[in-house]
Amino acid sequence: MLQYSEKTKKLINQIGSGDAAYIPKAITCAIKTLDKIAVDENLPENIRNEAAFAAANLVLSDYNDD
């Protein structure tokens, strides 16, 4: 498993145990969240650019959340 923040690891454990909701269309959720980060003018520009880059790559990938 990749190295994730403690916050992410905690949620992985909660979702895996059933204590938190699993979202079946997780990639679409991630794209929407990254896009929200990309347009948040309260965040540093480099973070916004990284979020936009990640969202764009996910959109252009072969994902299918149907």
Protein backbone atom coordinates (compact mmCIF):
# COMPACT_ATOMS: atom_id res chain seq x y z
CA MET A 1 0.00 0.00 0.00
CA LEU A 2 1.22 3.49 -0.77
CA GLN A 3 2.08 5.85 2.05
CA TYR A 4 -0.98 7.90 2.99
CA SER A 5 -1.59 10.50 5.66
CA GLU A 6 -2.90 9.40 9.02
CA LYS A 7 -6.22 11.06 8.19
CA THR A 8 -6.56 8.97 5.00
CA LYS A 9 -5.45 5.76 6.75
CA LYS A 10 -8.07 6.34 9.44
CA LEU A 11 -10.82 6.66 6.81
CA ILE A 12 -9.55 3.59 4.93
CA ASN A 13 -9.92 1.60 8.13
CA GLN A 14 -13.37 3.06 8.86
CA ILE A 15 -14.66 2.32 5.35
CA GLY A 16 -13.11 -1.16 5.38
CA SER A 17 -14.74 -1.98 8.71
CA GLY A 18 -18.13 -0.63 7.67
CA ASP A 19 -18.00 2.25 10.18
CA ALA A 20 -18.01 4.82 7.33
CA ALA A 21 -19.86 4.81 4.04
CA TYR A 22 -18.30 3.33 0.90
CA ILE A 23 -18.96 5.34 -2.26
CA PRO A 24 -19.36 3.03 -5.28
CA LYS A 25 -18.50 5.80 -7.76
CA ALA A 26 -15.28 6.73 -5.97
CA ILE A 27 -13.39 8.01 -9.02
CA THR A 28 -16.17 10.44 -9.91
CA CYS A 29 -16.20 11.55 -6.27
CA ALA A 30 -12.43 12.10 -6.40
CA ILE A 31 -12.64 14.12 -9.62
CA LYS A 32 -15.35 16.37 -8.17
CA THR A 33 -13.38 16.86 -4.95
CA LEU A 34 -10.14 17.64 -6.80
CA ASP A 35 -12.01 20.13 -8.98
CA LYS A 36 -13.39 21.87 -5.87
CA ILE A 37 -9.84 22.14 -4.53
CA ALA A 38 -8.64 23.49 -7.90
CA VAL A 39 -11.05 26.43 -7.80
CA ASP A 40 -10.67 27.26 -4.09
CA GLU A 41 -8.92 30.63 -4.12
CA ASN A 42 -8.18 30.30 -0.38
CA LEU A 43 -5.62 27.58 -1.15
CA PRO A 44 -2.09 28.11 -2.48
CA GLU A 45 -1.80 28.15 -6.27
CA ASN A 46 0.55 25.15 -6.36
CA ILE A 47 -1.99 23.00 -4.48
CA ARG A 48 -4.76 24.16 -6.80
CA ASN A 49 -2.62 23.32 -9.84
CA GLU A 50 -1.80 19.86 -8.49
CA ALA A 51 -5.50 19.17 -7.87
CA ALA A 52 -6.45 20.35 -11.37
CA PHE A 53 -3.70 18.20 -12.91
CA ALA A 54 -4.83 15.12 -10.99
CA ALA A 55 -8.50 15.71 -11.88
CA ALA A 56 -7.69 16.19 -15.56
CA ASN A 57 -5.66 12.97 -15.65
CA LEU A 58 -8.48 11.02 -14.01
CA VAL A 59 -11.00 12.42 -16.48
CA LEU A 60 -8.79 11.37 -19.40
CA SER A 61 -8.02 7.94 -17.95
CA ASP A 62 -9.97 4.83 -18.78
CA TYR A 63 -12.10 4.98 -15.64
CA ASN A 64 -15.71 3.90 -15.78
CA ASP A 65 -18.02 4.68 -12.85
CA ASP A 66 -21.18 3.52 -14.63
